[in-house]
Amino acid sequence: MSDWKIRFGTAGTSDSFAAQGYKSSLDVPEYTAKMGLNAFEYQCGRGVRLGLDKAAKMAALAGPKDILFSVHAPYYISMSSLEEEKRLNSIQYLLQSAAVCKALGGRRIIFHSGSCGKQSREAALEKALDTMRRAVEALDEADFADMTLCPETMGKIGQLGTLDEVLALCSVDKRITPCIDFGHLNARTLGGIRSKEDYAAILDRMAEKLGDQRAERFHVHFSRIEYSAGGEKRHWTFAETQFGPEPQPLMELLAERKLQPVIICESAGTQAEDAGAMQQMYHAACKT
């Protein structure tokens, strides 16, 4: 891969992938490049099912097109579970995800850290911090020291995953990099991201807490998300402008601050098209 730079891509494939006649995971690099994008987050939400041989073939096809892969680990990971078995299983799912990510030529494993359940947020975070320490040790022992764990900010109020909780998890090891899902943060704060200043406060907090390159090269998930009293309800497309947050102010800030995150669009079925829209906003902001 070339020197680090800002990247735009998708979580899984858009509806247009099949509509254009593509069928296989091996078509992902060609489709991603055709859409003018250079990042792709392979979804293992329901389990790690991609074979390592196929992943290596995808990597070989993606390399010449300068497409960077990341992997979303299974949704059933729970680093904060009251059951020790679930916490230990979560480490195994991260190891499986790391193996696939490495075969894809990627480095970042994005995951949900769990819910608070019947314990306090503080108790849930303590458990998650302990599981995170063990996960880092397990990855190092399994020869995945070059892989990057990315805990994600979550959209439901009952889930572990406020901005500060994710930044606390990142304090376990200098390699752990936050996945800032701005749609999730907007949903769990019931519409808290309304302006460029709101975005700036998130970026400032990250820089203050991390104090290193991770605050410049973090991971981003972005989509418009509908929410109710409990937070996140469902993902929408950029066309549904009644749902926030707005992408434009964030793209302006990234350009002004010369930040270089990997931006993964999670719109409902229009990921590639909306990622392209963000890329255009970003390039327009760079010219002003």
C-alpha atoms as a PDB file:
ATOM      1  CA  MET A   1       0.000   0.000   0.000  1.00  0.00           C
ATOM      2  CA  SER A   2       1.054   3.549  -0.603  1.00  0.00           C
ATOM      3  CA  ASP A   3       1.744   6.026   2.191  1.00  0.00           C
ATOM      4  CA  TRP A   4      -1.137   6.576   4.585  1.00  0.00           C
ATOM      5  CA  LYS A   5      -3.973   8.754   3.259  1.00  0.00           C
ATOM      6  CA  ILE A   6      -7.653   9.391   3.747  1.00  0.00           C
ATOM      7  CA  ARG A   7      -9.760   6.626   2.199  1.00  0.00           C
ATOM      8  CA  PHE A   8     -13.423   6.167   1.344  1.00  0.00           C
ATOM      9  CA  GLY A   9     -15.230   2.866   1.055  1.00  0.00           C
ATOM     10  CA  THR A  10     -18.166   0.703   2.022  1.00  0.00           C
ATOM     11  CA  ALA A  11     -19.348  -1.780   4.619  1.00  0.00           C
ATOM     12  CA  GLY A  12     -20.269  -4.724   2.425  1.00  0.00           C
ATOM     13  CA  THR A  13     -21.680  -4.195  -1.048  1.00  0.00           C
ATOM     14  CA  SER A  14     -24.358  -1.785  -2.238  1.00  0.00           C
ATOM     15  CA  ASP A  15     -27.497  -2.895  -4.062  1.00  0.00           C
ATOM     16  CA  SER A  16     -25.752  -1.722  -7.248  1.00  0.00           C
ATOM     17  CA  PHE A  17     -23.144  -4.511  -6.866  1.00  0.00           C
ATOM     18  CA  ALA A  18     -25.662  -7.217  -7.827  1.00  0.00           C
ATOM     19  CA  ALA A  19     -27.552  -4.848 -10.141  1.00  0.00           C
ATOM     20  CA  GLN A  20     -24.343  -4.432 -12.189  1.00  0.00           C
ATOM     21  CA  GLY A  21     -24.039  -8.208 -12.511  1.00  0.00           C
ATOM     22  CA  TYR A  22     -21.408  -8.857  -9.865  1.00  0.00           C
ATOM     23  CA  LYS A  23     -21.849 -12.061  -7.868  1.00  0.00           C
ATOM     24  CA  SER A  24     -18.717 -13.098  -5.996  1.00  0.00           C
ATOM     25  CA  SER A  25     -16.553 -11.669  -3.240  1.00  0.00           C
ATOM     26  CA  LEU A  26     -13.770 -11.861  -5.828  1.00  0.00           C
ATOM     27  CA  ASP A  27     -15.623  -9.111  -7.766  1.00  0.00           C
ATOM     28  CA  VAL A  28     -15.400  -6.707  -4.801  1.00  0.00           C
ATOM     29  CA  PRO A  29     -12.059  -5.097  -5.795  1.00  0.00           C
ATOM     30  CA  GLU A  30     -13.182  -4.436  -9.390  1.00  0.00           C
ATOM     31  CA  TYR A  31     -16.539  -3.019  -8.260  1.00  0.00           C
ATOM     32  CA  THR A  32     -14.980  -0.879  -5.515  1.00  0.00           C
ATOM     33  CA  ALA A  33     -12.457   0.616  -7.954  1.00  0.00           C
ATOM     34  CA  LYS A  34     -15.179   1.161 -10.570  1.00  0.00           C
ATOM     35  CA  MET A  35     -17.146   3.169  -8.004  1.00  0.00           C
ATOM     36  CA  GLY A  36     -14.050   5.332  -7.445  1.00  0.00           C
ATOM     37  CA  LEU A  37     -13.440   4.060  -3.905  1.00  0.00           C
ATOM     38  CA  ASN A  38     -10.338   2.630  -2.224  1.00  0.00           C
ATOM     39  CA  ALA A  39     -11.513   0.941   0.995  1.00  0.00           C
ATOM     40  CA  PHE A  40     -13.784  -2.007   1.781  1.00  0.00           C
ATOM     41  CA  GLU A  41     -14.901  -3.397   5.112  1.00  0.00           C
ATOM     42  CA  TYR A  42     -15.647  -7.098   4.847  1.00  0.00           C
ATOM     43  CA  GLN A  43     -18.633  -7.988   7.005  1.00  0.00           C
ATOM     44  CA  CYS A  44     -18.282 -10.994   9.330  1.00  0.00           C
ATOM     45  CA  GLY A  45     -21.155  -9.836  11.544  1.00  0.00           C
ATOM     46  CA  ARG A  46     -22.867 -13.214  11.525  1.00  0.00           C
ATOM     47  CA  GLY A  47     -19.667 -15.209  11.810  1.00  0.00           C
ATOM     48  CA  VAL A  48     -16.246 -15.505  10.169  1.00  0.00           C
ATOM     49  CA  ARG A  49     -17.060 -17.540   7.061  1.00  0.00           C
ATOM     50  CA  LEU A  50     -14.614 -16.229   4.470  1.00  0.00           C
ATOM     51  CA  GLY A  51     -11.941 -18.826   3.706  1.00  0.00           C
ATOM     52  CA  LEU A  52      -8.316 -17.717   3.970  1.00  0.00           C
ATOM     53  CA  ASP A  53      -7.553 -18.860   0.401  1.00  0.00           C
ATOM     54  CA  LYS A  54     -10.385 -16.777  -1.018  1.00  0.00           C
ATOM     55  CA  ALA A  55      -9.353 -13.829   1.159  1.00  0.00           C
ATOM     56  CA  ALA A  56      -5.804 -14.079  -0.234  1.00  0.00           C
ATOM     57  CA  LYS A  57      -7.206 -14.074  -3.801  1.00  0.00           C
ATOM     58  CA  MET A  58      -9.245 -10.957  -2.975  1.00  0.00           C
ATOM     59  CA  ALA A  59      -6.090  -9.316  -1.595  1.00  0.00           C
ATOM     60  CA  ALA A  60      -4.183 -10.126  -4.808  1.00  0.00           C
ATOM     61  CA  LEU A  61      -6.930  -8.492  -6.883  1.00  0.00           C
ATOM     62  CA  ALA A  62      -7.229  -5.470  -4.552  1.00  0.00           C
ATOM     63  CA  GLY A  63      -3.492  -4.708  -4.308  1.00  0.00           C
ATOM     64  CA  PRO A  64      -2.982  -3.247  -7.809  1.00  0.00           C
ATOM     65  CA  LYS A  65      -6.142  -1.163  -7.358  1.00  0.00           C
ATOM     66  CA  ASP A  66      -4.891   0.289  -4.038  1.00  0.00           C
ATOM     67  CA  ILE A  67      -7.944  -0.945  -2.107  1.00  0.00           C
ATOM     68  CA  LEU A  68      -7.500  -1.343   1.638  1.00  0.00           C
ATOM     69  CA  PHE A  69      -9.528  -4.028   3.395  1.00  0.00           C
ATOM     70  CA  SER A  70     -10.751  -4.040   6.978  1.00  0.00           C
ATOM     71  CA  VAL A  71     -12.949  -6.626   8.707  1.00  0.00           C
ATOM     72  CA  HIS A  72     -16.022  -6.202  10.887  1.00  0.00           C
ATOM     73  CA  ALA A  73     -15.900  -8.928  13.538  1.00  0.00           C
ATOM     74  CA  PRO A  74     -19.028 -10.911  14.614  1.00  0.00           C
ATOM     75  CA  TYR A  75     -21.838  -8.937  16.232  1.00  0.00           C
ATOM     76  CA  TYR A  76     -22.134 -11.442  19.068  1.00  0.00           C
ATOM     77  CA  ILE A  77     -18.807 -10.399  20.585  1.00  0.00           C
ATOM     78  CA  SER A  78     -19.364  -9.253  24.167  1.00  0.00           C
ATOM     79  CA  MET A  79     -16.308  -8.108  26.044  1.00  0.00           C
ATOM     80  CA  SER A  80     -18.464  -6.945  28.939  1.00  0.00           C
ATOM     81  CA  SER A  81     -20.607 -10.065  29.453  1.00  0.00           C
ATOM     82  CA  LEU A  82     -21.283 -11.256  32.994  1.00  0.00           C
ATOM     83  CA  GLU A  83     -20.463 -14.768  31.718  1.00  0.00           C
ATOM     84  CA  GLU A  84     -16.728 -15.408  31.526  1.00  0.00           C
ATOM     85  CA  GLU A  85     -17.236 -17.972  28.750  1.00  0.00           C
ATOM     86  CA  LYS A  86     -18.770 -15.311  26.500  1.00  0.00           C
ATOM     87  CA  ARG A  87     -15.888 -12.963  27.185  1.00  0.00           C
ATOM     88  CA  LEU A  88     -13.322 -15.660  26.351  1.00  0.00           C
ATOM     89  CA  ASN A  89     -15.250 -16.669  23.224  1.00  0.00           C
ATOM     90  CA  SER A  90     -15.132 -13.031  22.142  1.00  0.00           C
ATOM     91  CA  ILE A  91     -11.329 -13.225  22.083  1.00  0.00           C
ATOM     92  CA  GLN A  92     -11.553 -16.282  19.810  1.00  0.00           C
ATOM     93  CA  TYR A  93     -13.850 -14.399  17.404  1.00  0.00           C
ATOM     94  CA  LEU A  94     -11.325 -11.553  17.283  1.00  0.00           C
ATOM     95  CA  LEU A  95      -8.544 -14.054  16.504  1.00  0.00           C
ATOM     96  CA  GLN A  96     -10.644 -15.567  13.681  1.00  0.00           C
ATOM     97  CA  SER A  97     -11.339 -12.070  12.337  1.00  0.00           C
ATOM     98  CA  ALA A  98      -7.634 -11.218  12.547  1.00  0.00           C
ATOM     99  CA  ALA A  99      -6.713 -14.283  10.473  1.00  0.00           C
ATOM    100  CA  VAL A 100      -9.138 -13.232   7.718  1.00  0.00           C
ATOM    101  CA  CYS A 101      -8.059  -9.593   7.904  1.00  0.00           C
ATOM    102  CA  LYS A 102      -4.393 -10.557   7.541  1.00  0.00           C
ATOM    103  CA  ALA A 103      -5.191 -12.774   4.548  1.00  0.00           C
ATOM    104  CA  LEU A 104      -7.040  -9.812   2.978  1.00  0.00           C
ATOM    105  CA  GLY A 105      -3.899  -7.706   3.402  1.00  0.00           C
ATOM    106  CA  GLY A 106      -5.754  -5.487   5.877  1.00  0.00           C
ATOM    107  CA  ARG A 107      -5.010  -4.489   9.433  1.00  0.00           C
ATOM    108  CA  ARG A 108      -8.157  -3.231  11.118  1.00  0.00           C
ATOM    109  CA  ILE A 109     -10.665  -5.384  12.969  1.00  0.00           C
ATOM    110  CA  ILE A 110     -13.773  -3.421  13.919  1.00  0.00           C
ATOM    111  CA  PHE A 111     -15.987  -4.773  16.695  1.00  0.00           C
ATOM    112  CA  HIS A 112     -18.823  -3.945  19.107  1.00  0.00           C
ATOM    113  CA  SER A 113     -17.628  -4.231  22.677  1.00  0.00           C
ATOM    114  CA  GLY A 114     -20.951  -5.371  24.194  1.00  0.00           C
ATOM    115  CA  SER A 115     -23.843  -4.096  26.270  1.00  0.00           C
ATOM    116  CA  CYS A 116     -24.159  -3.052  29.888  1.00  0.00           C
ATOM    117  CA  GLY A 117     -27.011  -5.470  30.584  1.00  0.00           C
ATOM    118  CA  LYS A 118     -27.832  -5.813  34.282  1.00  0.00           C
ATOM    119  CA  GLN A 119     -24.625  -4.178  35.504  1.00  0.00           C
ATOM    120  CA  SER A 120     -23.577  -0.543  35.830  1.00  0.00           C
ATOM    121  CA  ARG A 121     -21.770   1.141  32.943  1.00  0.00           C
ATOM    122  CA  GLU A 122     -18.648   1.279  35.131  1.00  0.00           C
ATOM    123  CA  ALA A 123     -18.742  -2.474  35.863  1.00  0.00           C
ATOM    124  CA  ALA A 124     -19.355  -3.266  32.180  1.00  0.00           C
ATOM    125  CA  LEU A 125     -16.410  -1.079  31.148  1.00  0.00           C
ATOM    126  CA  GLU A 126     -14.122  -2.731  33.724  1.00  0.00           C
ATOM    127  CA  LYS A 127     -14.952  -6.169  32.299  1.00  0.00           C
ATOM    128  CA  ALA A 128     -14.441  -4.926  28.747  1.00  0.00           C
ATOM    129  CA  LEU A 129     -11.056  -3.409  29.670  1.00  0.00           C
ATOM    130  CA  ASP A 130      -9.946  -6.723  31.168  1.00  0.00           C
ATOM    131  CA  THR A 131     -11.121  -8.649  28.075  1.00  0.00           C
ATOM    132  CA  MET A 132      -9.373  -6.101  25.849  1.00  0.00           C
ATOM    133  CA  ARG A 133      -6.058  -6.636  27.671  1.00  0.00           C
ATOM    134  CA  ARG A 134      -6.412 -10.394  27.218  1.00  0.00           C
ATOM    135  CA  ALA A 135      -7.355  -9.954  23.547  1.00  0.00           C
ATOM    136  CA  VAL A 136      -4.216  -7.913  22.860  1.00  0.00           C
ATOM    137  CA  GLU A 137      -2.073 -10.609  24.531  1.00  0.00           C
ATOM    138  CA  ALA A 138      -3.850 -13.358  22.560  1.00  0.00           C
ATOM    139  CA  LEU A 139      -3.333 -11.547  19.246  1.00  0.00           C
ATOM    140  CA  ASP A 140       0.350 -10.993  20.018  1.00  0.00           C
ATOM    141  CA  GLU A 141       0.822 -14.661  20.926  1.00  0.00           C
ATOM    142  CA  ALA A 142      -0.932 -15.773  17.726  1.00  0.00           C
ATOM    143  CA  ASP A 143       1.420 -13.667  15.589  1.00  0.00           C
ATOM    144  CA  PHE A 144      -1.149 -10.950  14.898  1.00  0.00           C
ATOM    145  CA  ALA A 145       0.796  -8.138  16.582  1.00  0.00           C
ATOM    146  CA  ASP A 146       0.495  -6.080  13.380  1.00  0.00           C
ATOM    147  CA  MET A 147      -3.318  -6.180  13.507  1.00  0.00           C
ATOM    148  CA  THR A 148      -5.277  -3.215  14.879  1.00  0.00           C
ATOM    149  CA  LEU A 149      -8.333  -3.662  17.100  1.00  0.00           C
ATOM    150  CA  CYS A 150     -10.961  -0.948  16.576  1.00  0.00           C
ATOM    151  CA  PRO A 151     -13.734  -0.736  19.214  1.00  0.00           C
ATOM    152  CA  GLU A 152     -16.775   1.043  17.774  1.00  0.00           C
ATOM    153  CA  THR A 153     -18.967   3.767  19.253  1.00  0.00           C
ATOM    154  CA  MET A 154     -22.462   2.313  19.519  1.00  0.00           C
ATOM    155  CA  GLY A 155     -25.938   3.646  18.730  1.00  0.00           C
ATOM    156  CA  LYS A 156     -28.142   2.241  21.486  1.00  0.00           C
ATOM    157  CA  ILE A 157     -28.018   3.891  24.910  1.00  0.00           C
ATOM    158  CA  GLY A 158     -27.872   0.507  26.692  1.00  0.00           C
ATOM    159  CA  GLN A 159     -24.760  -0.541  24.782  1.00  0.00           C
ATOM    160  CA  LEU A 160     -21.201   0.008  25.898  1.00  0.00           C
ATOM    161  CA  GLY A 161     -19.782   2.450  23.382  1.00  0.00           C
ATOM    162  CA  THR A 162     -20.008   6.124  24.271  1.00  0.00           C
ATOM    163  CA  LEU A 163     -17.116   8.160  22.868  1.00  0.00           C
ATOM    164  CA  ASP A 164     -15.364   8.177  26.253  1.00  0.00           C
ATOM    165  CA  GLU A 165     -15.907   4.438  26.776  1.00  0.00           C
ATOM    166  CA  VAL A 166     -14.335   3.663  23.403  1.00  0.00           C
ATOM    167  CA  LEU A 167     -11.413   5.990  24.129  1.00  0.00           C
ATOM    168  CA  ALA A 168     -10.956   4.224  27.494  1.00  0.00           C
ATOM    169  CA  LEU A 169     -10.707   0.889  25.654  1.00  0.00           C
ATOM    170  CA  CYS A 170      -8.109   2.462  23.351  1.00  0.00           C
ATOM    171  CA  SER A 171      -5.980   3.273  26.412  1.00  0.00           C
ATOM    172  CA  VAL A 172      -5.240  -0.448  26.902  1.00  0.00           C
ATOM    173  CA  ASP A 173      -2.640  -0.458  24.108  1.00  0.00           C
ATOM    174  CA  LYS A 174      -1.179   2.168  21.743  1.00  0.00           C
ATOM    175  CA  ARG A 175      -2.273   0.088  18.749  1.00  0.00           C
ATOM    176  CA  ILE A 176      -5.991   0.105  19.605  1.00  0.00           C
ATOM    177  CA  THR A 177      -7.655   2.651  17.330  1.00  0.00           C
ATOM    178  CA  PRO A 178     -11.207   3.966  17.708  1.00  0.00           C
ATOM    179  CA  CYS A 179     -13.949   3.347  15.166  1.00  0.00           C
ATOM    180  CA  ILE A 180     -16.002   6.507  15.451  1.00  0.00           C
ATOM    181  CA  ASP A 181     -19.493   5.838  14.120  1.00  0.00           C
ATOM    182  CA  PHE A 182     -20.921   9.341  13.851  1.00  0.00           C
ATOM    183  CA  GLY A 183     -24.418   8.052  13.048  1.00  0.00           C
ATOM    184  CA  HIS A 184     -24.315   5.954  16.225  1.00  0.00           C
ATOM    185  CA  LEU A 185     -23.087   8.873  18.350  1.00  0.00           C
ATOM    186  CA  ASN A 186     -25.840  11.071  16.949  1.00  0.00           C
ATOM    187  CA  ALA A 187     -28.444   8.368  17.694  1.00  0.00           C
ATOM    188  CA  ARG A 188     -27.336   7.631  21.273  1.00  0.00           C
ATOM    189  CA  THR A 189     -27.259  11.372  22.085  1.00  0.00           C
ATOM    190  CA  LEU A 190     -30.737  11.713  20.488  1.00  0.00           C
ATOM    191  CA  GLY A 191     -29.548  14.118  17.807  1.00  0.00           C
ATOM    192  CA  GLY A 192     -26.477  15.553  19.518  1.00  0.00           C
ATOM    193  CA  ILE A 193     -24.561  16.191  16.277  1.00  0.00           C
ATOM    194  CA  ARG A 194     -26.156  19.255  14.740  1.00  0.00           C
ATOM    195  CA  SER A 195     -23.261  21.475  13.715  1.00  0.00           C
ATOM    196  CA  LYS A 196     -19.645  21.627  12.671  1.00  0.00           C
ATOM    197  CA  GLU A 197     -18.835  22.536  16.282  1.00  0.00           C
ATOM    198  CA  ASP A 198     -20.416  19.277  17.482  1.00  0.00           C
ATOM    199  CA  TYR A 199     -18.160  17.307  15.149  1.00  0.00           C
ATOM    200  CA  ALA A 200     -15.154  19.395  16.210  1.00  0.00           C
ATOM    201  CA  ALA A 201     -15.824  18.583  19.881  1.00  0.00           C
ATOM    202  CA  ILE A 202     -15.656  14.842  19.071  1.00  0.00           C
ATOM    203  CA  LEU A 203     -12.396  15.213  17.126  1.00  0.00           C
ATOM    204  CA  ASP A 204     -10.926  17.415  19.895  1.00  0.00           C
ATOM    205  CA  ARG A 205     -11.848  14.889  22.602  1.00  0.00           C
ATOM    206  CA  MET A 206     -10.206  12.112  20.622  1.00  0.00           C
ATOM    207  CA  ALA A 207      -7.007  14.140  20.145  1.00  0.00           C
ATOM    208  CA  GLU A 208      -6.954  15.039  23.847  1.00  0.00           C
ATOM    209  CA  LYS A 209      -7.437  11.443  25.048  1.00  0.00           C
ATOM    210  CA  LEU A 210      -5.249   9.639  22.513  1.00  0.00           C
ATOM    211  CA  GLY A 211      -2.535  12.243  22.015  1.00  0.00           C
ATOM    212  CA  ASP A 212      -0.987  10.470  19.025  1.00  0.00           C
ATOM    213  CA  GLN A 213      -1.447   9.542  15.359  1.00  0.00           C
ATOM    214  CA  ARG A 214      -4.550   7.477  16.123  1.00  0.00           C
ATOM    215  CA  ALA A 215      -6.479  10.745  16.456  1.00  0.00           C
ATOM    216  CA  GLU A 216      -5.549  11.539  12.835  1.00  0.00           C
ATOM    217  CA  ARG A 217      -5.818   8.059  11.308  1.00  0.00           C
ATOM    218  CA  PHE A 218      -8.858   6.728  13.119  1.00  0.00           C
ATOM    219  CA  HIS A 219     -11.602   4.603  11.560  1.00  0.00           C
ATOM    220  CA  VAL A 220     -14.988   6.076  10.650  1.00  0.00           C
ATOM    221  CA  HIS A 221     -18.427   4.611  10.086  1.00  0.00           C
ATOM    222  CA  PHE A 222     -20.958   7.010   8.633  1.00  0.00           C
ATOM    223  CA  SER A 223     -24.650   6.817   7.772  1.00  0.00           C
ATOM    224  CA  ARG A 224     -27.875   8.620   8.481  1.00  0.00           C
ATOM    225  CA  ILE A 225     -29.585   6.790  11.334  1.00  0.00           C
ATOM    226  CA  GLU A 226     -33.129   6.982  12.666  1.00  0.00           C
ATOM    227  CA  TYR A 227     -33.397   6.831  16.447  1.00  0.00           C
ATOM    228  CA  SER A 228     -36.007   6.589  19.202  1.00  0.00           C
ATOM    229  CA  ALA A 229     -35.827   7.093  22.978  1.00  0.00           C
ATOM    230  CA  GLY A 230     -33.399   4.151  23.346  1.00  0.00           C
ATOM    231  CA  GLY A 231     -31.092   5.346  20.590  1.00  0.00           C
ATOM    232  CA  GLU A 232     -30.431   3.735  17.199  1.00  0.00           C
ATOM    233  CA  LYS A 233     -33.410   2.362  15.280  1.00  0.00           C
ATOM    234  CA  ARG A 234     -32.307   1.867  11.660  1.00  0.00           C
ATOM    235  CA  HIS A 235     -29.885   2.989   8.952  1.00  0.00           C
ATOM    236  CA  TRP A 236     -31.069   5.075   6.005  1.00  0.00           C
ATOM    237  CA  THR A 237     -29.516   6.526   2.833  1.00  0.00           C
ATOM    238  CA  PHE A 238     -28.184  10.028   2.196  1.00  0.00           C
ATOM    239  CA  ALA A 239     -31.424  10.760   0.294  1.00  0.00           C
ATOM    240  CA  GLU A 240     -33.394  10.560   3.570  1.00  0.00           C
ATOM    241  CA  THR A 241     -32.312  13.966   4.801  1.00  0.00           C
ATOM    242  CA  GLN A 242     -34.846  13.960   7.668  1.00  0.00           C
ATOM    243  CA  PHE A 243     -32.351  11.721   9.511  1.00  0.00           C
ATOM    244  CA  GLY A 244     -28.963  12.932  10.689  1.00  0.00           C
ATOM    245  CA  PRO A 245     -26.186  13.532  10.995  1.00  0.00           C
ATOM    246  CA  GLU A 246     -25.117  15.674   8.024  1.00  0.00           C
ATOM    247  CA  PRO A 247     -21.892  14.516   6.328  1.00  0.00           C
ATOM    248  CA  GLN A 248     -20.838  17.880   4.870  1.00  0.00           C
ATOM    249  CA  PRO A 249     -19.538  19.597   8.072  1.00  0.00           C
ATOM    250  CA  LEU A 250     -17.445  16.528   8.940  1.00  0.00           C
ATOM    251  CA  MET A 251     -15.863  16.417   5.473  1.00  0.00           C
ATOM    252  CA  GLU A 252     -15.006  20.118   5.798  1.00  0.00           C
ATOM    253  CA  LEU A 253     -13.331  19.519   9.172  1.00  0.00           C
ATOM    254  CA  LEU A 254     -11.331  16.535   7.921  1.00  0.00           C
ATOM    255  CA  ALA A 255     -10.065  18.680   5.029  1.00  0.00           C
ATOM    256  CA  GLU A 256      -9.259  21.683   7.244  1.00  0.00           C
ATOM    257  CA  ARG A 257      -7.414  19.568   9.826  1.00  0.00           C
ATOM    258  CA  LYS A 258      -5.728  17.365   7.215  1.00  0.00           C
ATOM    259  CA  LEU A 259      -6.896  14.221   9.020  1.00  0.00           C
ATOM    260  CA  GLN A 260      -6.543  10.843   7.309  1.00  0.00           C
ATOM    261  CA  PRO A 261      -9.173   8.403   8.579  1.00  0.00           C
ATOM    262  CA  VAL A 262     -10.577   5.424   6.711  1.00  0.00           C
ATOM    263  CA  ILE A 263     -14.217   6.376   6.111  1.00  0.00           C
ATOM    264  CA  ILE A 264     -16.624   3.479   5.696  1.00  0.00           C
ATOM    265  CA  CYS A 265     -20.173   4.260   4.596  1.00  0.00           C
ATOM    266  CA  GLU A 266     -22.958   2.139   6.111  1.00  0.00           C
ATOM    267  CA  SER A 267     -25.967   3.559   4.263  1.00  0.00           C
ATOM    268  CA  ALA A 268     -28.826   1.109   3.675  1.00  0.00           C
ATOM    269  CA  GLY A 269     -28.130  -0.211   0.164  1.00  0.00           C
ATOM    270  CA  THR A 270     -26.422   2.891  -1.240  1.00  0.00           C
ATOM    271  CA  GLN A 271     -23.092   2.578   0.581  1.00  0.00           C
ATOM    272  CA  ALA A 272     -20.908   3.012  -2.511  1.00  0.00           C
ATOM    273  CA  GLU A 273     -22.906   5.898  -3.928  1.00  0.00           C
ATOM    274  CA  ASP A 274     -22.996   7.747  -0.592  1.00  0.00           C
ATOM    275  CA  ALA A 275     -19.291   7.060   0.056  1.00  0.00           C
ATOM    276  CA  GLY A 276     -18.655   8.642  -3.345  1.00  0.00           C
ATOM    277  CA  ALA A 277     -20.754  11.653  -2.318  1.00  0.00           C
ATOM    278  CA  MET A 278     -18.647  12.087   0.851  1.00  0.00           C
ATOM    279  CA  GLN A 279     -15.466  11.807  -1.188  1.00  0.00           C
ATOM    280  CA  GLN A 280     -16.699  14.588  -3.483  1.00  0.00           C
ATOM    281  CA  MET A 281     -17.594  16.787  -0.493  1.00  0.00           C
ATOM    282  CA  TYR A 282     -14.125  16.188   0.945  1.00  0.00           C
ATOM    283  CA  HIS A 283     -12.291  17.027  -2.295  1.00  0.00           C
ATOM    284  CA  ALA A 284     -14.445  20.165  -2.752  1.00  0.00           C
ATOM    285  CA  ALA A 285     -13.568  21.237   0.811  1.00  0.00           C
ATOM    286  CA  CYS A 286      -9.845  20.684   0.112  1.00  0.00           C
ATOM    287  CA  LYS A 287     -10.040  23.175  -2.771  1.00  0.00           C
ATOM    288  CA  THR A 288     -11.642  25.985  -0.752  1.00  0.00           C
END
